[in-house]
Protein backbone atom coordinates (compact mmCIF):
# COMPACT_ATOMS: atom_id res chain seq x y z
CA MET A 1 13.12 2.54 6.92
CA VAL A 2 12.83 5.14 4.47
CA SER A 3 14.82 4.88 0.81
CA PRO A 4 16.22 6.53 -1.17
CA SER A 5 17.80 9.24 2.31
CA ARG A 6 18.18 11.84 -0.46
CA PRO A 7 18.09 12.45 -4.17
CA GLY A 8 20.83 11.59 -7.08
CA PRO A 9 23.32 8.82 -7.27
CA ILE A 10 24.14 6.23 -4.75
CA ARG A 11 26.94 6.49 -3.79
CA LYS A 12 28.60 2.25 -2.71
CA ASP A 13 30.35 3.86 0.87
CA THR A 14 27.06 5.98 1.87
CA PRO A 15 24.32 4.49 3.46
CA ASN A 16 20.83 5.01 1.24
CA ALA A 17 18.82 4.33 3.70
CA MET A 18 17.87 5.90 6.75
CA PRO A 19 15.41 5.58 10.10
CA ALA A 20 12.23 6.88 9.38
CA ALA A 21 12.18 9.27 11.96
CA ASN A 22 8.94 11.22 13.49
CA LEU A 23 6.32 9.98 11.00
CA GLN A 24 2.39 9.69 11.75
CA PHE A 25 0.53 6.56 10.78
CA VAL A 26 -2.47 5.56 10.72
CA VAL A 27 -3.73 1.59 11.01
CA LYS A 28 -6.86 0.38 9.19
CA LYS A 29 -9.02 -3.02 9.58
CA GLU A 30 -10.46 -2.67 6.01
CA ASP A 31 -12.04 0.59 5.60
CA ALA A 32 -11.83 1.73 9.19
CA ARG A 33 -9.26 3.71 11.09
CA VAL A 34 -8.87 1.81 14.20
CA ALA A 35 -5.22 3.64 15.60
CA SER A 36 -2.53 5.59 14.89
CA PHE A 37 1.31 5.94 16.04
CA ILE A 38 4.25 8.62 15.44
CA THR A 39 7.83 7.00 15.06
CA ASP A 40 10.52 7.48 17.49
CA ALA A 41 13.57 8.95 16.39
CA GLU A 42 14.72 5.42 15.54
CA GLY A 43 11.53 4.70 13.35
CA HIS A 44 10.51 2.36 15.82
CA PHE A 45 7.15 2.19 16.92
CA GLN A 46 4.42 0.01 19.34
CA VAL A 47 0.68 -0.28 18.82
CA SER A 48 -1.13 -2.47 20.54
CA LEU A 49 -4.48 -4.18 18.48
CA PRO A 50 -6.37 -7.36 18.43
CA PRO A 51 -5.81 -10.46 16.17
CA GLY A 52 -6.58 -9.37 12.29
CA HIS A 53 -5.19 -8.16 9.11
CA TYR A 54 -4.05 -4.58 9.18
CA THR A 55 -3.07 -1.62 6.76
CA VAL A 56 -0.65 0.34 7.82
CA LEU A 57 0.26 4.48 5.94
CA ARG A 58 0.82 7.69 5.96
CA GLU A 59 -2.52 10.31 4.96
CA ASP A 60 -0.53 13.75 5.72
CA PRO A 61 0.68 15.62 2.96
CA GLY A 62 3.72 14.73 3.18
CA ALA A 63 2.58 10.82 1.69
CA ARG A 64 1.38 12.23 -1.58
CA ILE A 65 5.08 11.10 -2.99
CA GLY A 66 6.40 7.37 -2.53
CA HIS A 67 5.29 4.61 -1.30
CA TRP A 68 3.95 4.78 2.57
CA ARG A 69 2.31 1.33 3.48
CA PHE A 70 2.53 -2.39 4.58
CA GLU A 71 0.15 -4.78 5.84
CA VAL A 72 0.34 -6.80 8.80
CA GLU A 73 -1.34 -9.87 10.54
CA VAL A 74 -1.42 -9.56 14.49
CA VAL A 75 -1.64 -13.08 15.88
CA SER A 76 -3.33 -13.87 19.25
CA GLY A 77 -0.91 -14.13 21.85
CA SER A 78 2.33 -12.78 20.00
CA ILE A 79 4.30 -9.41 18.89
CA ALA A 80 4.24 -8.82 15.41
CA LYS A 81 7.77 -7.68 14.62
CA VAL A 82 7.78 -5.01 10.93
CA ASN A 83 11.00 -4.93 9.23
CA TRP A 84 9.90 -2.55 6.50
CA THR A 85 11.27 0.47 3.99
CA GLY A 86 9.41 2.82 2.72
CA ASP A 87 10.32 4.58 -1.06
CA SER A 88 10.87 7.90 -0.20
CA GLY A 89 10.06 8.73 -3.89
CA MET A 90 13.31 10.77 -3.79
CA ARG A 91 15.15 10.04 -7.79
C-alpha cells in the first residue's frame, strides 16, 4: 500500500491509502543487489529468496520523494508475508 494516496486534507469518507501498483523494487542483502520485482495492479509481489535478512527498496527516480524501504527476514521452509505501507511524500 501507499499513503497518502492524494495531496491535500484527508477526508473521513475517503480512503487515504491505495495499492502500490506497478512499482519496481530491488532486494538487497547488505549492500549487494540480489533480486528485483515489480508489484502487480494490487500491489502484490512474490520473490524467492534464500533464508536471511533483506532490505527491499525503490531506487528509481520516483523514489526520491517519500519512504520506499522495508526490511524482511526470510526463514527456511516458510513464506514471509509482508504488509507494508509506503509513504508517498504527498502532503
